[in-house]
Structures are given as C-alpha cells and as structure tokens.
Amino acid sequence: MHEHPLHYRAVEMNEADGALVKRLFPVAGLRHIDPFVLLDEFFLPPEAGVSEHHHRGFEAITYLLAGNLHHRDQLGNDAIVPAGGVQMFTAGRGLSHAAGAADDTTVHGIRLWVNTAKIHKDLPPSCQQVDAEQLPLQDLSCGRVRTIVGPGSPIHLHTSMSYHDVQLEQEGEFHVAVPAHHMGLLYALTGQPEVAEERLPAGEALALAGGSVLTVYADRPCRFICISGQPHGDPIVQNGSFVD
C-alpha cells in the first residue's frame, strides 16, 4: 500500500538550559505520533548544560551526530557519550539525570522519547550507553545506513520499533518500508532528500502510515533519519518530563 505522507516542519526554540532545539513534536498542531511523544534535533553549546531533572513513564534515545555528551544519573552512571554514540534510558517509575557538553565543542544530536505501554510504566529505571562502533553500519551503492534500533543493534526497548540514520553521498535511492502495524517518520537533517517528487528541506519531516512504501531519491548529498514504531493505542498524558 502506498500512502501520501503528511508533512511537518520543526519549530526552532531556545531552552532554559541554553540549548537550541528544532522541535518536531510536541508542538501546536502535532502533539505526538504514537508511540513517539517527543522528537528534538538539539544543539547544546559548551557553556550550556541540562541540570538534574526527573523523568518517568517512557524511554529516551539520545543519538549524537557531533560532539561529546557528559551524562550523569541517579543510578551511578557518569560517562562521556562520544559522537556517533547513543545514550538510552528507561525512565520507568522515575529517573533523575543531568547532561552537558563534555568539552569545548557543541553537542549536536537527536532526542527521541518513546512512550511505554501502561504495563511498563512502573519498571525500575535503567540506562544503556552504546558507542558508534557497536551500531551496525551497512554500505549502500550511494552512501551508508546506520542502525540505531533494529537488527544487530544492542539497543532494545519495551516498544517494537526501528531507527536508522541514512547518509546518501551521491545520486541514488533509498527505499523506506513501514511495517503494517507501525507508524513511521522521516526527518531531514541535511541536504534535500526527495520523496514523492517533493524535496524535504532540513528540519522538516514526513509522517508515514503503516504499510507505506516510499522511495527517497537524492541528486546531491543528504542525510535523514527513518523511525517507525508500533502504537500502544493508550491515551498519552504528557506533563513536561512525565508521560503517564
């Protein structure tokens, strides 16, 4: 089945911690795409930092495109997540953490929050760090694709989902297939990938229905992420950093 995708533009905003954020959702007009409840492309300068704060009720994946992130949490983790790596946590019944740039370079990354089913809201909190070399990397005829969540990745969540970082370095195509029981999302990072004869500028996204099959075409270098997940179908009650 082929579906015409819905088009969305991220909203730029400054956060209290000093970060510049391109927020795809939650914003006016797009609260969430079940099971996903937040997606930010963020830029955290060296002088900025996220002070200790509390989460519950979801899982979070922070994927670093550039820079090194210093992460600390109540579980005793205190580590540097290098560029290309991932910091993932299950907030469960409650997790406190803090983060900031680890050196004098700006941290650039994607922050994705994934809702959990009601039966998993009270899980004990946990964290996982995965470095870039642990993530599967597949060469394409026109670029490469890295698997953040999916076959071969050590990252496992309590929601069925996939997450890929696609870089097309020369003219070519990449095929995106969303499983029938998932909701999908394609977000442009750089360049202008073309979908359904429409160029997608950086900071814009397409929401893809389950069963969608799309061809992404590039006639110049571009980079985008593809995400899909199985909706829980539960009412989503989000209050700041809590998802109940």
C-alpha atoms as a PDB file:
ATOM      1  CA  MET A   1       0.000   0.000   0.000  1.00  0.00           C
ATOM      2  CA  HIS A   2       1.274   3.476  -0.886  1.00  0.00           C
ATOM      3  CA  GLU A   3       0.210   6.429   1.254  1.00  0.00           C
ATOM      4  CA  HIS A   4       0.782  10.114   0.618  1.00  0.00           C
ATOM      5  CA  PRO A   5       2.834  11.273   3.634  1.00  0.00           C
ATOM      6  CA  LEU A   6       1.866  14.111   5.962  1.00  0.00           C
ATOM      7  CA  HIS A   7       4.391  16.950   6.025  1.00  0.00           C
ATOM      8  CA  TYR A   8       5.600  18.751   9.174  1.00  0.00           C
ATOM      9  CA  ARG A   9       8.177  21.447   9.972  1.00  0.00           C
ATOM     10  CA  ALA A  10      10.187  21.502  13.213  1.00  0.00           C
ATOM     11  CA  VAL A  11       9.817  24.613  15.367  1.00  0.00           C
ATOM     12  CA  GLU A  12      13.025  26.329  16.496  1.00  0.00           C
ATOM     13  CA  MET A  13      13.166  27.352  20.149  1.00  0.00           C
ATOM     14  CA  ASN A  14      15.672  28.112  22.879  1.00  0.00           C
ATOM     15  CA  GLU A  15      15.531  26.011  26.019  1.00  0.00           C
ATOM     16  CA  ALA A  16      16.265  27.247  29.519  1.00  0.00           C
ATOM     17  CA  ASP A  17      19.466  25.182  29.619  1.00  0.00           C
ATOM     18  CA  GLY A  18      20.921  27.188  26.725  1.00  0.00           C
ATOM     19  CA  ALA A  19      20.268  24.626  24.014  1.00  0.00           C
ATOM     20  CA  LEU A  20      18.874  25.498  20.597  1.00  0.00           C
ATOM     21  CA  VAL A  21      16.196  22.982  19.658  1.00  0.00           C
ATOM     22  CA  LYS A  22      14.360  22.146  16.466  1.00  0.00           C
ATOM     23  CA  ARG A  23      11.250  20.501  17.932  1.00  0.00           C
ATOM     24  CA  LEU A  24       9.114  18.374  15.654  1.00  0.00           C
ATOM     25  CA  PHE A  25       6.707  17.464  18.453  1.00  0.00           C
ATOM     26  CA  PRO A  26       5.089  18.120  20.835  1.00  0.00           C
ATOM     27  CA  VAL A  27       4.099  21.488  19.333  1.00  0.00           C
ATOM     28  CA  ALA A  28       0.815  23.121  18.405  1.00  0.00           C
ATOM     29  CA  GLY A  29      -0.706  21.060  15.631  1.00  0.00           C
ATOM     30  CA  LEU A  30       1.311  17.909  16.342  1.00  0.00           C
ATOM     31  CA  ARG A  31       1.270  16.603  19.900  1.00  0.00           C
ATOM     32  CA  HIS A  32       2.726  13.167  19.201  1.00  0.00           C
ATOM     33  CA  ILE A  33       2.968  10.304  16.736  1.00  0.00           C
ATOM     34  CA  ASP A  34       2.097   7.241  18.819  1.00  0.00           C
ATOM     35  CA  PRO A  35       4.291   5.657  20.197  1.00  0.00           C
ATOM     36  CA  PHE A  36       6.636   8.667  19.931  1.00  0.00           C
ATOM     37  CA  VAL A  37       5.994  11.594  22.275  1.00  0.00           C
ATOM     38  CA  LEU A  38       8.944  13.943  21.620  1.00  0.00           C
ATOM     39  CA  LEU A  39      11.484  14.473  18.849  1.00  0.00           C
ATOM     40  CA  ASP A  40      14.129  17.214  19.063  1.00  0.00           C
ATOM     41  CA  GLU A  41      17.146  17.984  16.950  1.00  0.00           C
ATOM     42  CA  PHE A  42      19.264  19.817  19.505  1.00  0.00           C
ATOM     43  CA  PHE A  43      22.436  21.911  19.625  1.00  0.00           C
ATOM     44  CA  LEU A  44      23.985  22.151  23.102  1.00  0.00           C
ATOM     45  CA  PRO A  45      26.845  24.683  23.263  1.00  0.00           C
ATOM     46  CA  PRO A  46      29.820  24.140  25.610  1.00  0.00           C
ATOM     47  CA  GLU A  47      28.646  26.684  28.169  1.00  0.00           C
ATOM     48  CA  ALA A  48      25.175  25.120  28.386  1.00  0.00           C
ATOM     49  CA  GLY A  49      24.028  22.111  30.332  1.00  0.00           C
ATOM     50  CA  VAL A  50      20.909  20.288  31.440  1.00  0.00           C
ATOM     51  CA  SER A  51      20.777  20.376  35.234  1.00  0.00           C
ATOM     52  CA  GLU A  52      19.482  17.387  37.180  1.00  0.00           C
ATOM     53  CA  HIS A  53      15.825  16.697  36.439  1.00  0.00           C
ATOM     54  CA  HIS A  54      13.328  13.864  36.745  1.00  0.00           C
ATOM     55  CA  HIS A  55      11.551  11.652  34.183  1.00  0.00           C
ATOM     56  CA  ARG A  56       9.030   8.844  34.311  1.00  0.00           C
ATOM     57  CA  GLY A  57       6.819   6.746  32.060  1.00  0.00           C
ATOM     58  CA  PHE A  58       8.813   6.496  28.809  1.00  0.00           C
ATOM     59  CA  GLU A  59      12.110   5.501  27.190  1.00  0.00           C
ATOM     60  CA  ALA A  60      14.538   8.008  25.675  1.00  0.00           C
ATOM     61  CA  ILE A  61      17.146   7.640  22.932  1.00  0.00           C
ATOM     62  CA  THR A  62      19.751  10.393  22.542  1.00  0.00           C
ATOM     63  CA  TYR A  63      21.752   9.864  19.347  1.00  0.00           C
ATOM     64  CA  LEU A  64      24.806  12.089  18.920  1.00  0.00           C
ATOM     65  CA  LEU A  65      25.605  13.428  15.460  1.00  0.00           C
ATOM     66  CA  ALA A  66      28.571  15.530  16.651  1.00  0.00           C
ATOM     67  CA  GLY A  67      30.277  16.463  19.905  1.00  0.00           C
ATOM     68  CA  ASN A  68      30.640  14.545  23.168  1.00  0.00           C
ATOM     69  CA  LEU A  69      27.960  14.436  25.850  1.00  0.00           C
ATOM     70  CA  HIS A  70      28.615  14.098  29.587  1.00  0.00           C
ATOM     71  CA  HIS A  71      25.791  12.083  31.176  1.00  0.00           C
ATOM     72  CA  ARG A  72      25.188  11.558  34.914  1.00  0.00           C
ATOM     73  CA  ASP A  73      22.248   9.864  36.631  1.00  0.00           C
ATOM     74  CA  GLN A  74      20.907   8.582  39.956  1.00  0.00           C
ATOM     75  CA  LEU A  75      21.978   5.028  39.107  1.00  0.00           C
ATOM     76  CA  GLY A  76      25.635   5.990  39.463  1.00  0.00           C
ATOM     77  CA  ASN A  77      26.397   6.334  35.759  1.00  0.00           C
ATOM     78  CA  ASP A  78      28.868   9.122  34.990  1.00  0.00           C
ATOM     79  CA  ALA A  79      30.283   8.824  31.489  1.00  0.00           C
ATOM     80  CA  ILE A  80      31.097  10.529  28.214  1.00  0.00           C
ATOM     81  CA  VAL A  81      28.979   9.563  25.214  1.00  0.00           C
ATOM     82  CA  PRO A  82      31.118  10.182  22.095  1.00  0.00           C
ATOM     83  CA  ALA A  83      29.935  11.403  18.699  1.00  0.00           C
ATOM     84  CA  GLY A  84      28.041   8.677  16.871  1.00  0.00           C
ATOM     85  CA  GLY A  85      27.044   7.038  20.138  1.00  0.00           C
ATOM     86  CA  VAL A  86      23.746   6.607  21.920  1.00  0.00           C
ATOM     87  CA  GLN A  87      22.579   7.185  25.470  1.00  0.00           C
ATOM     88  CA  MET A  88      19.317   5.348  26.177  1.00  0.00           C
ATOM     89  CA  PHE A  89      17.302   5.144  29.359  1.00  0.00           C
ATOM     90  CA  THR A  90      14.118   3.554  30.602  1.00  0.00           C
ATOM     91  CA  ALA A  91      12.612   6.092  32.984  1.00  0.00           C
ATOM     92  CA  GLY A  92      10.033   3.637  34.305  1.00  0.00           C
ATOM     93  CA  ARG A  93       8.771   4.672  37.733  1.00  0.00           C
ATOM     94  CA  GLY A  94      11.323   7.504  37.860  1.00  0.00           C
ATOM     95  CA  LEU A  95      14.856   8.507  36.870  1.00  0.00           C
ATOM     96  CA  SER A  96      16.876  11.660  37.599  1.00  0.00           C
ATOM     97  CA  HIS A  97      19.767  12.665  35.347  1.00  0.00           C
ATOM     98  CA  ALA A  98      21.839  15.598  34.106  1.00  0.00           C
ATOM     99  CA  ALA A  99      23.811  16.207  30.909  1.00  0.00           C
ATOM    100  CA  GLY A 100      26.079  18.734  29.248  1.00  0.00           C
ATOM    101  CA  ALA A 101      28.818  19.177  26.682  1.00  0.00           C
ATOM    102  CA  ALA A 102      31.903  17.206  27.683  1.00  0.00           C
ATOM    103  CA  ASP A 103      34.382  19.637  26.113  1.00  0.00           C
ATOM    104  CA  ASP A 104      34.534  22.929  24.217  1.00  0.00           C
ATOM    105  CA  THR A 105      32.553  21.742  21.191  1.00  0.00           C
ATOM    106  CA  THR A 106      28.805  21.972  20.592  1.00  0.00           C
ATOM    107  CA  VAL A 107      26.849  18.756  21.025  1.00  0.00           C
ATOM    108  CA  HIS A 108      24.501  18.078  18.096  1.00  0.00           C
ATOM    109  CA  GLY A 109      22.052  15.230  18.320  1.00  0.00           C
ATOM    110  CA  ILE A 110      18.554  13.794  18.110  1.00  0.00           C
ATOM    111  CA  ARG A 111      16.472  13.294  21.232  1.00  0.00           C
ATOM    112  CA  LEU A 112      13.583  10.844  20.882  1.00  0.00           C
ATOM    113  CA  TRP A 113      11.108   9.899  23.607  1.00  0.00           C
ATOM    114  CA  VAL A 114       9.177   6.652  23.166  1.00  0.00           C
ATOM    115  CA  ASN A 115       6.043   6.039  25.196  1.00  0.00           C
ATOM    116  CA  THR A 116       5.744   2.761  27.089  1.00  0.00           C
ATOM    117  CA  ALA A 117       2.625   0.662  27.480  1.00  0.00           C
ATOM    118  CA  LYS A 118       0.778   1.029  30.779  1.00  0.00           C
ATOM    119  CA  ILE A 119       2.115  -2.337  31.991  1.00  0.00           C
ATOM    120  CA  HIS A 120       5.656  -0.927  31.714  1.00  0.00           C
ATOM    121  CA  LYS A 121       5.110   2.456  33.399  1.00  0.00           C
ATOM    122  CA  ASP A 122       6.310   1.147  36.756  1.00  0.00           C
ATOM    123  CA  LEU A 123       9.504  -0.572  35.584  1.00  0.00           C
ATOM    124  CA  PRO A 124      12.689   0.114  37.578  1.00  0.00           C
ATOM    125  CA  PRO A 125      14.816   2.761  35.812  1.00  0.00           C
ATOM    126  CA  SER A 126      17.812   1.694  33.755  1.00  0.00           C
ATOM    127  CA  CYS A 127      20.390   3.236  31.392  1.00  0.00           C
ATOM    128  CA  GLN A 128      22.477   1.994  28.488  1.00  0.00           C
ATOM    129  CA  GLN A 129      25.343   3.594  26.573  1.00  0.00           C
ATOM    130  CA  VAL A 130      26.292   2.355  23.103  1.00  0.00           C
ATOM    131  CA  ASP A 131      29.299   3.667  21.165  1.00  0.00           C
ATOM    132  CA  ALA A 132      29.262   4.198  17.400  1.00  0.00           C
ATOM    133  CA  GLU A 133      31.321   1.105  16.581  1.00  0.00           C
ATOM    134  CA  GLN A 134      28.699  -1.102  18.273  1.00  0.00           C
ATOM    135  CA  LEU A 135      25.966   0.027  15.866  1.00  0.00           C
ATOM    136  CA  PRO A 136      25.524  -1.871  12.572  1.00  0.00           C
ATOM    137  CA  LEU A 137      26.726   0.083   9.530  1.00  0.00           C
ATOM    138  CA  GLN A 138      25.699  -1.007   6.039  1.00  0.00           C
ATOM    139  CA  ASP A 139      27.294   0.339   2.869  1.00  0.00           C
ATOM    140  CA  LEU A 140      24.961   1.334   0.060  1.00  0.00           C
ATOM    141  CA  SER A 141      25.872   1.964  -3.575  1.00  0.00           C
ATOM    142  CA  CYS A 142      25.316   5.682  -2.919  1.00  0.00           C
ATOM    143  CA  GLY A 143      26.073   6.009   0.802  1.00  0.00           C
ATOM    144  CA  ARG A 144      25.517   4.177   4.072  1.00  0.00           C
ATOM    145  CA  VAL A 145      22.887   3.436   6.696  1.00  0.00           C
ATOM    146  CA  ARG A 146      23.483   3.014  10.429  1.00  0.00           C
ATOM    147  CA  THR A 147      21.010   1.030  12.543  1.00  0.00           C
ATOM    148  CA  ILE A 148      20.303   2.715  15.875  1.00  0.00           C
ATOM    149  CA  VAL A 149      17.457   0.376  16.809  1.00  0.00           C
ATOM    150  CA  GLY A 150      16.813  -2.757  14.801  1.00  0.00           C
ATOM    151  CA  PRO A 151      18.523  -5.994  13.737  1.00  0.00           C
ATOM    152  CA  GLY A 152      22.102  -6.177  15.007  1.00  0.00           C
ATOM    153  CA  SER A 153      21.838  -3.217  17.379  1.00  0.00           C
ATOM    154  CA  PRO A 154      22.434  -3.833  21.098  1.00  0.00           C
ATOM    155  CA  ILE A 155      19.685  -1.324  21.950  1.00  0.00           C
ATOM    156  CA  HIS A 156      16.387  -2.949  22.932  1.00  0.00           C
ATOM    157  CA  LEU A 157      13.285  -1.112  24.102  1.00  0.00           C
ATOM    158  CA  HIS A 158       9.920  -2.176  25.508  1.00  0.00           C
ATOM    159  CA  THR A 159       8.232  -0.957  22.308  1.00  0.00           C
ATOM    160  CA  SER A 160       8.593  -2.591  18.897  1.00  0.00           C
ATOM    161  CA  MET A 161      10.414  -0.012  16.735  1.00  0.00           C
ATOM    162  CA  SER A 162      13.234   0.687  14.299  1.00  0.00           C
ATOM    163  CA  TYR A 163      15.545   3.682  13.886  1.00  0.00           C
ATOM    164  CA  HIS A 164      18.026   4.291  11.043  1.00  0.00           C
ATOM    165  CA  ASP A 165      20.436   7.093  10.122  1.00  0.00           C
ATOM    166  CA  VAL A 166      20.793   7.295   6.333  1.00  0.00           C
ATOM    167  CA  GLN A 167      23.531   9.220   4.509  1.00  0.00           C
ATOM    168  CA  LEU A 168      23.371   9.433   0.712  1.00  0.00           C
ATOM    169  CA  GLU A 169      26.645  10.830  -0.630  1.00  0.00           C
ATOM    170  CA  GLN A 170      25.866  10.834  -4.343  1.00  0.00           C
ATOM    171  CA  GLU A 171      22.917  10.380  -6.653  1.00  0.00           C
ATOM    172  CA  GLY A 172      20.851   7.363  -5.707  1.00  0.00           C
ATOM    173  CA  GLU A 173      17.791   5.950  -3.967  1.00  0.00           C
ATOM    174  CA  PHE A 174      16.854   4.536  -0.586  1.00  0.00           C
ATOM    175  CA  HIS A 175      13.638   2.594  -0.008  1.00  0.00           C
ATOM    176  CA  VAL A 176      11.639   3.128   3.188  1.00  0.00           C
ATOM    177  CA  ALA A 177       9.108   0.460   4.173  1.00  0.00           C
ATOM    178  CA  VAL A 178       6.947   0.943   7.278  1.00  0.00           C
ATOM    179  CA  PRO A 179       5.562  -2.295   8.790  1.00  0.00           C
ATOM    180  CA  ALA A 180       1.793  -2.630   8.614  1.00  0.00           C
ATOM    181  CA  HIS A 181       1.266  -2.196  12.369  1.00  0.00           C
ATOM    182  CA  HIS A 182       3.742   0.684  12.816  1.00  0.00           C
ATOM    183  CA  MET A 183       3.671   4.448  12.406  1.00  0.00           C
ATOM    184  CA  GLY A 184       6.672   5.902  10.585  1.00  0.00           C
ATOM    185  CA  LEU A 185       8.620   9.128  10.373  1.00  0.00           C
ATOM    186  CA  LEU A 186      11.288  10.502   8.050  1.00  0.00           C
ATOM    187  CA  TYR A 187      13.188  13.608   9.260  1.00  0.00           C
ATOM    188  CA  ALA A 188      15.668  15.507   7.073  1.00  0.00           C
ATOM    189  CA  LEU A 189      18.975  16.513   8.691  1.00  0.00           C
ATOM    190  CA  THR A 190      20.994  17.906   5.775  1.00  0.00           C
ATOM    191  CA  GLY A 191      20.534  18.328   2.043  1.00  0.00           C
ATOM    192  CA  GLN A 192      17.146  17.887   0.453  1.00  0.00           C
ATOM    193  CA  PRO A 193      16.050  14.278   0.069  1.00  0.00           C
ATOM    194  CA  GLU A 194      13.228  13.941  -2.445  1.00  0.00           C
ATOM    195  CA  VAL A 195      10.091  11.943  -1.652  1.00  0.00           C
ATOM    196  CA  ALA A 196       7.049  11.718  -3.938  1.00  0.00           C
ATOM    197  CA  GLU A 197       8.606  14.379  -6.219  1.00  0.00           C
ATOM    198  CA  GLU A 198       8.863  16.814  -3.305  1.00  0.00           C
ATOM    199  CA  ARG A 199      12.161  17.963  -1.778  1.00  0.00           C
ATOM    200  CA  LEU A 200      12.312  17.822   2.003  1.00  0.00           C
ATOM    201  CA  PRO A 201      14.422  20.654   3.482  1.00  0.00           C
ATOM    202  CA  ALA A 202      16.472  20.126   6.623  1.00  0.00           C
ATOM    203  CA  GLY A 203      14.327  20.360   9.739  1.00  0.00           C
ATOM    204  CA  GLU A 204      11.223  19.018   8.031  1.00  0.00           C
ATOM    205  CA  ALA A 205       9.598  15.600   8.312  1.00  0.00           C
ATOM    206  CA  LEU A 206       7.102  13.239   6.782  1.00  0.00           C
ATOM    207  CA  ALA A 207       4.784  11.128   8.923  1.00  0.00           C
ATOM    208  CA  LEU A 208       4.260   7.735   7.280  1.00  0.00           C
ATOM    209  CA  ALA A 209       1.322   5.405   7.790  1.00  0.00           C
ATOM    210  CA  GLY A 210       1.721   1.710   8.473  1.00  0.00           C
ATOM    211  CA  GLY A 211       2.223  -0.251   5.278  1.00  0.00           C
ATOM    212  CA  SER A 212       3.764   2.715   3.453  1.00  0.00           C
ATOM    213  CA  VAL A 213       6.499   2.029   0.923  1.00  0.00           C
ATOM    214  CA  LEU A 214       8.411   5.092  -0.275  1.00  0.00           C
ATOM    215  CA  THR A 215      11.471   5.770  -2.376  1.00  0.00           C
ATOM    216  CA  VAL A 216      13.799   8.533  -1.202  1.00  0.00           C
ATOM    217  CA  TYR A 217      15.801   9.999  -4.078  1.00  0.00           C
ATOM    218  CA  ALA A 218      18.910  12.167  -3.801  1.00  0.00           C
ATOM    219  CA  ASP A 219      20.754  14.023  -6.558  1.00  0.00           C
ATOM    220  CA  ARG A 220      23.157  15.607  -4.035  1.00  0.00           C
ATOM    221  CA  PRO A 221      24.475  14.645  -0.580  1.00  0.00           C
ATOM    222  CA  CYS A 222      21.826  14.450   2.122  1.00  0.00           C
ATOM    223  CA  ARG A 223      21.194  12.857   5.483  1.00  0.00           C
ATOM    224  CA  PHE A 224      17.947  11.833   7.166  1.00  0.00           C
ATOM    225  CA  ILE A 225      16.633   9.561   9.882  1.00  0.00           C
ATOM    226  CA  CYS A 226      13.880   6.963   9.482  1.00  0.00           C
ATOM    227  CA  ILE A 227      11.902   5.858  12.539  1.00  0.00           C
ATOM    228  CA  SER A 228       8.940   3.529  12.919  1.00  0.00           C
ATOM    229  CA  GLY A 229       7.178   2.083  15.928  1.00  0.00           C
ATOM    230  CA  GLN A 230       4.104   0.147  16.963  1.00  0.00           C
ATOM    231  CA  PRO A 231       1.492   2.417  18.577  1.00  0.00           C
ATOM    232  CA  HIS A 232       0.267   1.451  22.034  1.00  0.00           C
ATOM    233  CA  GLY A 233      -3.154   2.971  21.474  1.00  0.00           C
ATOM    234  CA  ASP A 234      -3.297   4.212  25.069  1.00  0.00           C
ATOM    235  CA  PRO A 235      -4.213   7.816  25.897  1.00  0.00           C
ATOM    236  CA  ILE A 236      -0.960   9.812  26.155  1.00  0.00           C
ATOM    237  CA  VAL A 237      -0.840  12.162  29.130  1.00  0.00           C
ATOM    238  CA  GLN A 238       2.351  14.208  28.915  1.00  0.00           C
ATOM    239  CA  ASN A 239       3.215  16.729  31.590  1.00  0.00           C
ATOM    240  CA  GLY A 240       6.668  18.144  30.931  1.00  0.00           C
ATOM    241  CA  SER A 241       9.161  15.347  31.540  1.00  0.00           C
ATOM    242  CA  PHE A 242       6.498  12.866  32.707  1.00  0.00           C
ATOM    243  CA  VAL A 243       4.450  10.634  30.396  1.00  0.00           C
ATOM    244  CA  ASP A 244       1.703   8.899  32.359  1.00  0.00           C
END
